[in-house]
Structure formats: structure tokens, C-alpha cells
Amino acid sequence: MAALDRGRTRDGGYKKRAEKFGVRYTAFPREWVFERDGWICGLCDKPVDRHLAYPAPMSASLDHVIPLSRGGHHEPENVQCSHLTCNVRKGARVDARSTPQAVGA
């Protein structure tokens, strides 16, 4: 797995990106978000297989509902479970389909 790491920090580089964009950063375990969301992708509403690992397209990924580059914070209320492929497809857009689950409701 280290070969796939490509120098990213243990938190996925989110702290550095939050500093770059001047937004708040709160450390929390990714698994906490995946469990909170019931391992359901907040972008396509389909189950995420907890046994798949990066770089599998259907592996779990943290999606920022409001991307860091758009002023969103790296906090539990602004992230949701997603498939890696769904998250990459969304990119830095704000998804109008974002569910109440995604914003901590």
C-alpha cells in the first residue's frame, strides 16, 4: 500500500488542502463517517463495499459536500461516504443532490 501512498499524509492531505484554501480543519477518522452514513454513497445512494480498498473504483472515499476549494470545511458535517468513482466524477462541484445525511441532519 505504501507504493500507492504517493507521499500523502495519513489524513489524505486534507489538513494541507484546508490550509491552502483557508478553511477549517477538524481531524476525525474516515471510518467514523463511513459508519455514520451506513456505508451508502451519498452521491448515487448505492452501498459501498467496506472490503474494497483504494484504488478500486467502488472503494470508499470521503466526499466534501461543499468542496474545500469552494470554501467548504473539512469537518464531519461537510463530508459524506461516497464511492471513489462517484467522488472523482463530482470533482469540485457542489452537488445539488446532496442529502440531509451528508450535511449532518
PDB file of N, CA and C in Angstrom:
ATOM      1  N   MET A   1       0.825  -1.200   0.000  1.00  0.00           N
ATOM      2  CA  MET A   1       0.000   0.000   0.000  1.00  0.00           C
ATOM      3  C   MET A   1       0.864   1.256   0.000  1.00  0.00           C
ATOM      4  N   ALA A   2       2.054   1.164   0.565  1.00  0.00           N
ATOM      5  CA  ALA A   2       2.926   2.335   0.633  1.00  0.00           C
ATOM      6  C   ALA A   2       3.250   2.863  -0.750  1.00  0.00           C
ATOM      7  N   ALA A   3       3.357   1.973  -1.723  1.00  0.00           N
ATOM      8  CA  ALA A   3       3.664   2.417  -3.080  1.00  0.00           C
ATOM      9  C   ALA A   3       2.543   3.274  -3.652  1.00  0.00           C
ATOM     10  N   LEU A   4       1.316   3.021  -3.221  1.00  0.00           N
ATOM     11  CA  LEU A   4       0.177   3.788  -3.705  1.00  0.00           C
ATOM     12  C   LEU A   4       0.000   5.101  -2.960  1.00  0.00           C
ATOM     13  N   ASP A   5       0.694   5.243  -1.841  1.00  0.00           N
ATOM     14  CA  ASP A   5       0.526   6.398  -0.978  1.00  0.00           C
ATOM     15  C   ASP A   5       0.936   7.701  -1.661  1.00  0.00           C
ATOM     16  N   ARG A   6       1.960   7.650  -2.488  1.00  0.00           N
ATOM     17  CA  ARG A   6       2.447   8.812  -3.238  1.00  0.00           C
ATOM     18  C   ARG A   6       2.706  10.038  -2.355  1.00  0.00           C
ATOM     19  N   GLY A   7       3.202   9.785  -1.136  1.00  0.00           N
ATOM     20  CA  GLY A   7       3.603  10.884  -0.273  1.00  0.00           C
ATOM     21  C   GLY A   7       2.484  11.602   0.438  1.00  0.00           C
ATOM     22  N   ARG A   8       1.253  11.144   0.331  1.00  0.00           N
ATOM     23  CA  ARG A   8       0.148  11.806   1.013  1.00  0.00           C
ATOM     24  C   ARG A   8       0.244  11.545   2.505  1.00  0.00           C
ATOM     25  N   THR A   9      -0.195  12.497   3.280  1.00  0.00           N
ATOM     26  CA  THR A   9      -0.171  12.319   4.722  1.00  0.00           C
ATOM     27  C   THR A   9      -1.229  11.322   5.144  1.00  0.00           C
ATOM     28  N   ARG A  10      -1.142  10.882   6.358  1.00  0.00           N
ATOM     29  CA  ARG A  10      -2.073   9.886   6.878  1.00  0.00           C
ATOM     30  C   ARG A  10      -3.518  10.360   6.810  1.00  0.00           C
ATOM     31  N   ASP A  11      -3.772  11.641   6.868  1.00  0.00           N
ATOM     32  CA  ASP A  11      -5.138  12.162   6.800  1.00  0.00           C
ATOM     33  C   ASP A  11      -5.588  12.398   5.361  1.00  0.00           C
ATOM     34  N   GLY A  12      -4.849  11.904   4.398  1.00  0.00           N
ATOM     35  CA  GLY A  12      -5.234  12.058   3.000  1.00  0.00           C
ATOM     36  C   GLY A  12      -4.854  13.414   2.431  1.00  0.00           C
ATOM     37  N   GLY A  13      -4.081  14.189   3.163  1.00  0.00           N
ATOM     38  CA  GLY A  13      -3.684  15.512   2.668  1.00  0.00           C
ATOM     39  C   GLY A  13      -4.720  16.593   2.925  1.00  0.00           C
ATOM     40  N   TYR A  14      -5.775  16.251   3.659  1.00  0.00           N
ATOM     41  CA  TYR A  14      -6.853  17.217   3.882  1.00  0.00           C
ATOM     42  C   TYR A  14      -6.408  18.414   4.702  1.00  0.00           C
ATOM     43  N   LYS A  15      -5.536  18.201   5.679  1.00  0.00           N
ATOM     44  CA  LYS A  15      -5.088  19.324   6.511  1.00  0.00           C
ATOM     45  C   LYS A  15      -4.346  20.350   5.652  1.00  0.00           C
ATOM     46  N   LYS A  16      -3.450  19.857   4.815  1.00  0.00           N
ATOM     47  CA  LYS A  16      -2.681  20.752   3.949  1.00  0.00           C
ATOM     48  C   LYS A  16      -3.599  21.494   2.966  1.00  0.00           C
ATOM     49  N   ARG A  17      -4.579  20.779   2.402  1.00  0.00           N
ATOM     50  CA  ARG A  17      -5.507  21.420   1.470  1.00  0.00           C
ATOM     51  C   ARG A  17      -6.389  22.439   2.176  1.00  0.00           C
ATOM     52  N   ALA A  18      -6.809  22.130   3.404  1.00  0.00           N
ATOM     53  CA  ALA A  18      -7.630  23.076   4.168  1.00  0.00           C
ATOM     54  C   ALA A  18      -6.847  24.357   4.429  1.00  0.00           C
ATOM     55  N   GLU A  19      -5.572  24.211   4.785  1.00  0.00           N
ATOM     56  CA  GLU A  19      -4.725  25.396   4.998  1.00  0.00           C
ATOM     57  C   GLU A  19      -4.580  26.190   3.706  1.00  0.00           C
ATOM     58  N   LYS A  20      -4.378  25.493   2.586  1.00  0.00           N
ATOM     59  CA  LYS A  20      -4.220  26.152   1.288  1.00  0.00           C
ATOM     60  C   LYS A  20      -5.439  27.009   0.941  1.00  0.00           C
ATOM     61  N   PHE A  21      -6.646  26.472   1.227  1.00  0.00           N
ATOM     62  CA  PHE A  21      -7.871  27.183   0.865  1.00  0.00           C
ATOM     63  C   PHE A  21      -8.408  28.057   1.996  1.00  0.00           C
ATOM     64  N   GLY A  22      -7.719  28.068   3.149  1.00  0.00           N
ATOM     65  CA  GLY A  22      -8.125  28.924   4.263  1.00  0.00           C
ATOM     66  C   GLY A  22      -9.432  28.505   4.917  1.00  0.00           C
ATOM     67  N   VAL A  23      -9.671  27.194   4.999  1.00  0.00           N
ATOM     68  CA  VAL A  23     -10.894  26.703   5.615  1.00  0.00           C
ATOM     69  C   VAL A  23     -10.552  25.911   6.874  1.00  0.00           C
ATOM     70  N   ARG A  24     -11.553  25.691   7.711  1.00  0.00           N
ATOM     71  CA  ARG A  24     -11.352  24.962   8.963  1.00  0.00           C
ATOM     72  C   ARG A  24     -11.025  23.494   8.704  1.00  0.00           C
ATOM     73  N   TYR A  25     -10.202  22.945   9.585  1.00  0.00           N
ATOM     74  CA  TYR A  25      -9.834  21.538   9.532  1.00  0.00           C
ATOM     75  C   TYR A  25     -10.060  20.923  10.898  1.00  0.00           C
ATOM     76  N   THR A  26     -10.813  19.844  10.937  1.00  0.00           N
ATOM     77  CA  THR A  26     -11.006  19.067  12.147  1.00  0.00           C
ATOM     78  C   THR A  26     -10.589  17.639  11.835  1.00  0.00           C
ATOM     79  N   ALA A  27      -9.714  17.080  12.649  1.00  0.00           N
ATOM     80  CA  ALA A  27      -9.286  15.690  12.447  1.00  0.00           C
ATOM     81  C   ALA A  27     -10.379  14.744  12.940  1.00  0.00           C
ATOM     82  N   PHE A  28     -10.657  13.716  12.154  1.00  0.00           N
ATOM     83  CA  PHE A  28     -11.611  12.680  12.536  1.00  0.00           C
ATOM     84  C   PHE A  28     -11.317  11.454  11.692  1.00  0.00           C
ATOM     85  N   PRO A  29     -11.668  10.273  12.194  1.00  0.00           N
ATOM     86  CA  PRO A  29     -11.417   9.054  11.424  1.00  0.00           C
ATOM     87  C   PRO A  29     -12.412   8.900  10.272  1.00  0.00           C
ATOM     88  N   ARG A  30     -11.891   8.606   9.097  1.00  0.00           N
ATOM     89  CA  ARG A  30     -12.738   8.390   7.916  1.00  0.00           C
ATOM     90  C   ARG A  30     -13.792   7.315   8.187  1.00  0.00           C
ATOM     91  N   GLU A  31     -13.377   6.268   8.904  1.00  0.00           N
ATOM     92  CA  GLU A  31     -14.281   5.156   9.174  1.00  0.00           C
ATOM     93  C   GLU A  31     -15.508   5.610   9.962  1.00  0.00           C
ATOM     94  N   TRP A  32     -15.337   6.636  10.792  1.00  0.00           N
ATOM     95  CA  TRP A  32     -16.472   7.168  11.553  1.00  0.00           C
ATOM     96  C   TRP A  32     -17.539   7.691  10.604  1.00  0.00           C
ATOM     97  N   VAL A  33     -17.127   8.394   9.556  1.00  0.00           N
ATOM     98  CA  VAL A  33     -18.070   8.935   8.570  1.00  0.00           C
ATOM     99  C   VAL A  33     -18.738   7.795   7.805  1.00  0.00           C
ATOM    100  N   PHE A  34     -17.938   6.799   7.403  1.00  0.00           N
ATOM    101  CA  PHE A  34     -18.497   5.678   6.652  1.00  0.00           C
ATOM    102  C   PHE A  34     -19.548   4.944   7.487  1.00  0.00           C
ATOM    103  N   GLU A  35     -19.261   4.739   8.772  1.00  0.00           N
ATOM    104  CA  GLU A  35     -20.225   4.083   9.655  1.00  0.00           C
ATOM    105  C   GLU A  35     -21.461   4.961   9.859  1.00  0.00           C
ATOM    106  N   ARG A  36     -21.253   6.248  10.093  1.00  0.00           N
ATOM    107  CA  ARG A  36     -22.372   7.181  10.285  1.00  0.00           C
ATOM    108  C   ARG A  36     -23.330   7.127   9.113  1.00  0.00           C
ATOM    109  N   ASP A  37     -22.763   7.050   7.905  1.00  0.00           N
ATOM    110  CA  ASP A  37     -23.571   7.071   6.691  1.00  0.00           C
ATOM    111  C   ASP A  37     -24.039   5.681   6.267  1.00  0.00           C
ATOM    112  N   GLY A  38     -23.737   4.675   7.080  1.00  0.00           N
ATOM    113  CA  GLY A  38     -24.197   3.329   6.797  1.00  0.00           C
ATOM    114  C   GLY A  38     -23.574   2.699   5.563  1.00  0.00           C
ATOM    115  N   TRP A  39     -22.368   3.164   5.204  1.00  0.00           N
ATOM    116  CA  TRP A  39     -21.660   2.664   4.022  1.00  0.00           C
ATOM    117  C   TRP A  39     -22.517   2.783   2.759  1.00  0.00           C
ATOM    118  N   ILE A  40     -23.271   3.892   2.666  1.00  0.00           N
ATOM    119  CA  ILE A  40     -24.089   4.202   1.492  1.00  0.00           C
ATOM    120  C   ILE A  40     -23.496   5.436   0.842  1.00  0.00           C
ATOM    121  N   CYS A  41     -23.290   5.374  -0.467  1.00  0.00           N
ATOM    122  CA  CYS A  41     -22.743   6.507  -1.203  1.00  0.00           C
ATOM    123  C   CYS A  41     -23.754   7.652  -1.197  1.00  0.00           C
ATOM    124  N   GLY A  42     -23.317   8.806  -0.733  1.00  0.00           N
ATOM    125  CA  GLY A  42     -24.181   9.981  -0.698  1.00  0.00           C
ATOM    126  C   GLY A  42     -24.405  10.593  -2.066  1.00  0.00           C
ATOM    127  N   LEU A  43     -23.702  10.108  -3.079  1.00  0.00           N
ATOM    128  CA  LEU A  43     -23.845  10.657  -4.435  1.00  0.00           C
ATOM    129  C   LEU A  43     -24.735   9.797  -5.331  1.00  0.00           C
ATOM    130  N   CYS A  44     -24.678   8.469  -5.155  1.00  0.00           N
ATOM    131  CA  CYS A  44     -25.504   7.595  -6.006  1.00  0.00           C
ATOM    132  C   CYS A  44     -26.483   6.753  -5.197  1.00  0.00           C
ATOM    133  N   ASP A  45     -26.421   6.831  -3.874  1.00  0.00           N
ATOM    134  CA  ASP A  45     -27.315   6.109  -2.967  1.00  0.00           C
ATOM    135  C   ASP A  45     -27.182   4.588  -3.020  1.00  0.00           C
ATOM    136  N   LYS A  46     -26.059   4.085  -3.510  1.00  0.00           N
ATOM    137  CA  LYS A  46     -25.834   2.643  -3.557  1.00  0.00           C
ATOM    138  C   LYS A  46     -24.828   2.254  -2.481  1.00  0.00           C
ATOM    139  N   PRO A  47     -24.862   0.984  -2.038  1.00  0.00           N
ATOM    140  CA  PRO A  47     -23.935   0.536  -0.990  1.00  0.00           C
ATOM    141  C   PRO A  47     -22.468   0.621  -1.419  1.00  0.00           C
ATOM    142  N   VAL A  48     -21.616   0.929  -0.457  1.00  0.00           N
ATOM    143  CA  VAL A  48     -20.169   0.949  -0.655  1.00  0.00           C
ATOM    144  C   VAL A  48     -19.616  -0.301   0.020  1.00  0.00           C
ATOM    145  N   ASP A  49     -18.818  -1.070  -0.697  1.00  0.00           N
ATOM    146  CA  ASP A  49     -18.242  -2.296  -0.159  1.00  0.00           C
ATOM    147  C   ASP A  49     -17.075  -1.948   0.754  1.00  0.00           C
ATOM    148  N   ARG A  50     -17.240  -2.185   2.043  1.00  0.00           N
ATOM    149  CA  ARG A  50     -16.219  -1.828   3.026  1.00  0.00           C
ATOM    150  C   ARG A  50     -14.940  -2.634   2.880  1.00  0.00           C
ATOM    151  N   HIS A  51     -14.970  -3.707   2.091  1.00  0.00           N
ATOM    152  CA  HIS A  51     -13.797  -4.559   1.925  1.00  0.00           C
ATOM    153  C   HIS A  51     -12.921  -4.140   0.743  1.00  0.00           C
ATOM    154  N   LEU A  52     -13.411  -3.243  -0.092  1.00  0.00           N
ATOM    155  CA  LEU A  52     -12.600  -2.753  -1.205  1.00  0.00           C
ATOM    156  C   LEU A  52     -11.671  -1.643  -0.711  1.00  0.00           C
ATOM    157  N   ALA A  53     -10.489  -1.584  -1.271  1.00  0.00           N
ATOM    158  CA  ALA A  53      -9.512  -0.569  -0.874  1.00  0.00           C
ATOM    159  C   ALA A  53      -9.091   0.256  -2.094  1.00  0.00           C
ATOM    160  N   TYR A  54      -8.668   1.474  -1.832  1.00  0.00           N
ATOM    161  CA  TYR A  54      -8.115   2.338  -2.873  1.00  0.00           C
ATOM    162  C   TYR A  54      -7.002   1.574  -3.588  1.00  0.00           C
ATOM    163  N   PRO A  55      -6.943   1.592  -4.889  1.00  0.00           N
ATOM    164  CA  PRO A  55      -7.620   2.443  -5.864  1.00  0.00           C
ATOM    165  C   PRO A  55      -8.816   1.806  -6.566  1.00  0.00           C
ATOM    166  N   ALA A  56      -9.471   0.832  -5.954  1.00  0.00           N
ATOM    167  CA  ALA A  56     -10.657   0.230  -6.572  1.00  0.00           C
ATOM    168  C   ALA A  56     -11.705   1.316  -6.807  1.00  0.00           C
ATOM    169  N   PRO A  57     -12.272   1.406  -8.005  1.00  0.00           N
ATOM    170  CA  PRO A  57     -13.231   2.471  -8.314  1.00  0.00           C
ATOM    171  C   PRO A  57     -14.436   2.536  -7.375  1.00  0.00           C
ATOM    172  N   MET A  58     -14.849   1.397  -6.836  1.00  0.00           N
ATOM    173  CA  MET A  58     -16.025   1.385  -5.967  1.00  0.00           C
ATOM    174  C   MET A  58     -15.645   1.372  -4.479  1.00  0.00           C
ATOM    175  N   SER A  59     -14.372   1.666  -4.171  1.00  0.00           N
ATOM    176  CA  SER A  59     -13.937   1.727  -2.776  1.00  0.00           C
ATOM    177  C   SER A  59     -14.484   2.982  -2.103  1.00  0.00           C
ATOM    178  N   ALA A  60     -14.442   3.003  -0.785  1.00  0.00           N
ATOM    179  CA  ALA A  60     -14.949   4.137  -0.007  1.00  0.00           C
ATOM    180  C   ALA A  60     -14.043   5.357  -0.157  1.00  0.00           C
ATOM    181  N   SER A  61     -14.677   6.509  -0.244  1.00  0.00           N
ATOM    182  CA  SER A  61     -13.964   7.778  -0.381  1.00  0.00           C
ATOM    183  C   SER A  61     -14.725   8.835   0.415  1.00  0.00           C
ATOM    184  N   LEU A  62     -14.013   9.818   0.947  1.00  0.00           N
ATOM    185  CA  LEU A  62     -14.668  10.944   1.620  1.00  0.00           C
ATOM    186  C   LEU A  62     -14.988  12.014   0.594  1.00  0.00           C
ATOM    187  N   ASP A  63     -16.258  12.357   0.469  1.00  0.00           N
ATOM    188  CA  ASP A  63     -16.684  13.436  -0.417  1.00  0.00           C
ATOM    189  C   ASP A  63     -16.995  14.659   0.421  1.00  0.00           C
ATOM    190  N   HIS A  64     -16.414  15.789   0.056  1.00  0.00           N
ATOM    191  CA  HIS A  64     -16.762  17.051   0.706  1.00  0.00           C
ATOM    192  C   HIS A  64     -17.995  17.591  -0.004  1.00  0.00           C
ATOM    193  N   VAL A  65     -19.106  17.728   0.720  1.00  0.00           N
ATOM    194  CA  VAL A  65     -20.359  18.205   0.130  1.00  0.00           C
ATOM    195  C   VAL A  65     -20.111  19.565  -0.522  1.00  0.00           C
ATOM    196  N   ILE A  66     -19.519  20.470   0.235  1.00  0.00           N
ATOM    197  CA  ILE A  66     -19.027  21.728  -0.325  1.00  0.00           C
ATOM    198  C   ILE A  66     -17.513  21.566  -0.381  1.00  0.00           C
ATOM    199  N   PRO A  67     -16.945  21.460  -1.579  1.00  0.00           N
ATOM    200  CA  PRO A  67     -15.508  21.207  -1.709  1.00  0.00           C
ATOM    201  C   PRO A  67     -14.652  22.249  -0.988  1.00  0.00           C
ATOM    202  N   LEU A  68     -13.491  21.798  -0.524  1.00  0.00           N
ATOM    203  CA  LEU A  68     -12.565  22.716   0.147  1.00  0.00           C
ATOM    204  C   LEU A  68     -12.255  23.902  -0.747  1.00  0.00           C
ATOM    205  N   SER A  69     -12.105  23.658  -2.037  1.00  0.00           N
ATOM    206  CA  SER A  69     -11.768  24.732  -2.981  1.00  0.00           C
ATOM    207  C   SER A  69     -12.906  25.733  -3.162  1.00  0.00           C
ATOM    208  N   ARG A  70     -14.102  25.386  -2.678  1.00  0.00           N
ATOM    209  CA  ARG A  70     -15.256  26.279  -2.769  1.00  0.00           C
ATOM    210  C   ARG A  70     -15.630  26.866  -1.416  1.00  0.00           C
ATOM    211  N   GLY A  71     -14.732  26.700  -0.432  1.00  0.00           N
ATOM    212  CA  GLY A  71     -14.967  27.278   0.888  1.00  0.00           C
ATOM    213  C   GLY A  71     -15.553  26.326   1.907  1.00  0.00           C
ATOM    214  N   GLY A  72     -15.738  25.063   1.540  1.00  0.00           N
ATOM    215  CA  GLY A  72     -16.239  24.071   2.484  1.00  0.00           C
ATOM    216  C   GLY A  72     -15.159  23.682   3.471  1.00  0.00           C
ATOM    217  N   HIS A  73     -15.550  23.307   4.658  1.00  0.00           N
ATOM    218  CA  HIS A  73     -14.609  22.947   5.717  1.00  0.00           C
ATOM    219  C   HIS A  73     -14.406  21.437   5.773  1.00  0.00           C
ATOM    220  N   HIS A  74     -13.250  21.026   6.271  1.00  0.00           N
ATOM    221  CA  HIS A  74     -13.006  19.600   6.489  1.00  0.00           C
ATOM    222  C   HIS A  74     -13.477  19.291   7.895  1.00  0.00           C
ATOM    223  N   GLU A  75     -14.771  19.063   8.012  1.00  0.00           N
ATOM    224  CA  GLU A  75     -15.426  18.759   9.271  1.00  0.00           C
ATOM    225  C   GLU A  75     -16.460  17.673   9.011  1.00  0.00           C
ATOM    226  N   PRO A  76     -16.795  16.878  10.016  1.00  0.00           N
ATOM    227  CA  PRO A  76     -17.749  15.781   9.796  1.00  0.00           C
ATOM    228  C   PRO A  76     -19.063  16.211   9.154  1.00  0.00           C
ATOM    229  N   GLU A  77     -19.536  17.413   9.455  1.00  0.00           N
ATOM    230  CA  GLU A  77     -20.806  17.885   8.905  1.00  0.00           C
ATOM    231  C   GLU A  77     -20.742  18.166   7.405  1.00  0.00           C
ATOM    232  N   ASN A  78     -19.539  18.284   6.850  1.00  0.00           N
ATOM    233  CA  ASN A  78     -19.393  18.621   5.435  1.00  0.00           C
ATOM    234  C   ASN A  78     -18.838  17.463   4.603  1.00  0.00           C
ATOM    235  N   VAL A  79     -18.779  16.281   5.168  1.00  0.00           N
ATOM    236  CA  VAL A  79     -18.288  15.140   4.396  1.00  0.00           C
ATOM    237  C   VAL A  79     -19.312  14.026   4.420  1.00  0.00           C
ATOM    238  N   GLN A  80     -19.239  13.194   3.394  1.00  0.00           N
ATOM    239  CA  GLN A  80     -20.114  12.037   3.312  1.00  0.00           C
ATOM    240  C   GLN A  80     -19.373  10.880   2.672  1.00  0.00           C
ATOM    241  N   CYS A  81     -19.866   9.693   2.932  1.00  0.00           N
ATOM    242  CA  CYS A  81     -19.331   8.487   2.311  1.00  0.00           C
ATOM    243  C   CYS A  81     -19.671   8.519   0.820  1.00  0.00           C
ATOM    244  N   SER A  82     -18.732   8.107  -0.007  1.00  0.00           N
ATOM    245  CA  SER A  82     -19.002   8.005  -1.442  1.00  0.00           C
ATOM    246  C   SER A  82     -18.118   6.926  -2.036  1.00  0.00           C
ATOM    247  N   HIS A  83     -18.491   6.475  -3.218  1.00  0.00           N
ATOM    248  CA  HIS A  83     -17.599   5.615  -3.988  1.00  0.00           C
ATOM    249  C   HIS A  83     -16.499   6.509  -4.550  1.00  0.00           C
ATOM    250  N   LEU A  84     -15.307   5.986  -4.682  1.00  0.00           N
ATOM    251  CA  LEU A  84     -14.211   6.752  -5.266  1.00  0.00           C
ATOM    252  C   LEU A  84     -14.606   7.273  -6.645  1.00  0.00           C
ATOM    253  N   THR A  85     -15.187   6.420  -7.468  1.00  0.00           N
ATOM    254  CA  THR A  85     -15.556   6.836  -8.827  1.00  0.00           C
ATOM    255  C   THR A  85     -16.616   7.943  -8.829  1.00  0.00           C
ATOM    256  N   CYS A  86     -17.575   7.876  -7.913  1.00  0.00           N
ATOM    257  CA  CYS A  86     -18.600   8.924  -7.823  1.00  0.00           C
ATOM    258  C   CYS A  86     -17.972  10.249  -7.399  1.00  0.00           C
ATOM    259  N   ASN A  87     -17.040  10.179  -6.445  1.00  0.00           N
ATOM    260  CA  ASN A  87     -16.377  11.378  -5.938  1.00  0.00           C
ATOM    261  C   ASN A  87     -15.516  12.030  -7.028  1.00  0.00           C
ATOM    262  N   VAL A  88     -14.790  11.208  -7.769  1.00  0.00           N
ATOM    263  CA  VAL A  88     -13.949  11.742  -8.853  1.00  0.00           C
ATOM    264  C   VAL A  88     -14.831  12.384  -9.918  1.00  0.00           C
ATOM    265  N   ARG A  89     -15.939  11.738 -10.239  1.00  0.00           N
ATOM    266  CA  ARG A  89     -16.859  12.273 -11.255  1.00  0.00           C
ATOM    267  C   ARG A  89     -17.432  13.615 -10.809  1.00  0.00           C
ATOM    268  N   LYS A  90     -17.752  13.750  -9.517  1.00  0.00           N
ATOM    269  CA  LYS A  90     -18.306  15.000  -8.991  1.00  0.00           C
ATOM    270  C   LYS A  90     -17.276  16.127  -9.045  1.00  0.00           C
ATOM    271  N   GLY A  91     -16.028  15.797  -8.758  1.00  0.00           N
ATOM    272  CA  GLY A  91     -14.973  16.804  -8.782  1.00  0.00           C
ATOM    273  C   GLY A  91     -15.199  17.894  -7.753  1.00  0.00           C
ATOM    274  N   ALA A  92     -14.923  19.134  -8.115  1.00  0.00           N
ATOM    275  CA  ALA A  92     -15.032  20.269  -7.187  1.00  0.00           C
ATOM    276  C   ALA A  92     -16.364  20.986  -7.316  1.00  0.00           C
ATOM    277  N   ARG A  93     -17.366  20.271  -7.796  1.00  0.00           N
ATOM    278  CA  ARG A  93     -18.705  20.868  -7.909  1.00  0.00           C
ATOM    279  C   ARG A  93     -19.484  20.663  -6.612  1.00  0.00           C
ATOM    280  N   VAL A  94     -20.464  21.516  -6.393  1.00  0.00           N
ATOM    281  CA  VAL A  94     -21.403  21.330  -5.298  1.00  0.00           C
ATOM    282  C   VAL A  94     -22.566  20.563  -5.896  1.00  0.00           C
ATOM    283  N   ASP A  95     -22.838  19.375  -5.366  1.00  0.00           N
ATOM    284  CA  ASP A  95     -23.876  18.500  -5.894  1.00  0.00           C
ATOM    285  C   ASP A  95     -25.231  18.903  -5.327  1.00  0.00           C
ATOM    286  N   ALA A  96     -26.145  19.294  -6.191  1.00  0.00           N
ATOM    287  CA  ALA A  96     -27.479  19.706  -5.756  1.00  0.00           C
ATOM    288  C   ALA A  96     -28.239  18.556  -5.111  1.00  0.00           C
ATOM    289  N   ARG A  97     -27.804  17.311  -5.378  1.00  0.00           N
ATOM    290  CA  ARG A  97     -28.469  16.136  -4.809  1.00  0.00           C
ATOM    291  C   ARG A  97     -28.026  15.837  -3.391  1.00  0.00           C
ATOM    292  N   SER A  98     -27.141  16.610  -2.831  1.00  0.00           N
ATOM    293  CA  SER A  98     -26.625  16.306  -1.504  1.00  0.00           C
ATOM    294  C   SER A  98     -27.765  16.074  -0.526  1.00  0.00           C
ATOM    295  N   THR A  99     -27.678  14.966   0.168  1.00  0.00           N
ATOM    296  CA  THR A  99     -28.745  14.542   1.048  1.00  0.00           C
ATOM    297  C   THR A  99     -28.609  15.180   2.426  1.00  0.00           C
ATOM    298  N   PRO A 100     -29.703  15.222   3.183  1.00  0.00           N
ATOM    299  CA  PRO A 100     -29.607  15.729   4.553  1.00  0.00           C
ATOM    300  C   PRO A 100     -28.573  14.934   5.360  1.00  0.00           C
ATOM    301  N   GLN A 101     -28.437  13.631   5.072  1.00  0.00           N
ATOM    302  CA  GLN A 101     -27.446  12.789   5.751  1.00  0.00           C
ATOM    303  C   GLN A 101     -26.047  13.373   5.564  1.00  0.00           C
ATOM    304  N   ALA A 102     -25.790  13.924   4.394  1.00  0.00           N
ATOM    305  CA  ALA A 102     -24.472  14.425   4.071  1.00  0.00           C
ATOM    306  C   ALA A 102     -24.113  15.672   4.875  1.00  0.00           C
ATOM    307  N   VAL A 103     -25.082  16.436   5.260  1.00  0.00           N
ATOM    308  CA  VAL A 103     -24.782  17.657   5.986  1.00  0.00           C
ATOM    309  C   VAL A 103     -25.077  17.526   7.478  1.00  0.00           C
ATOM    310  N   GLY A 104     -25.113  16.271   7.950  1.00  0.00           N
ATOM    311  CA  GLY A 104     -25.219  16.016   9.361  1.00  0.00           C
ATOM    312  C   GLY A 104     -26.618  16.122   9.955  1.00  0.00           C
ATOM    313  N   ALA A 105     -27.651  16.073   9.130  1.00  0.00           N
ATOM    314  CA  ALA A 105     -29.016  16.143   9.661  1.00  0.00           C
ATOM    315  C   ALA A 105     -29.489  14.804  10.156  1.00  0.00           C
TER     316      ALA A 105
END
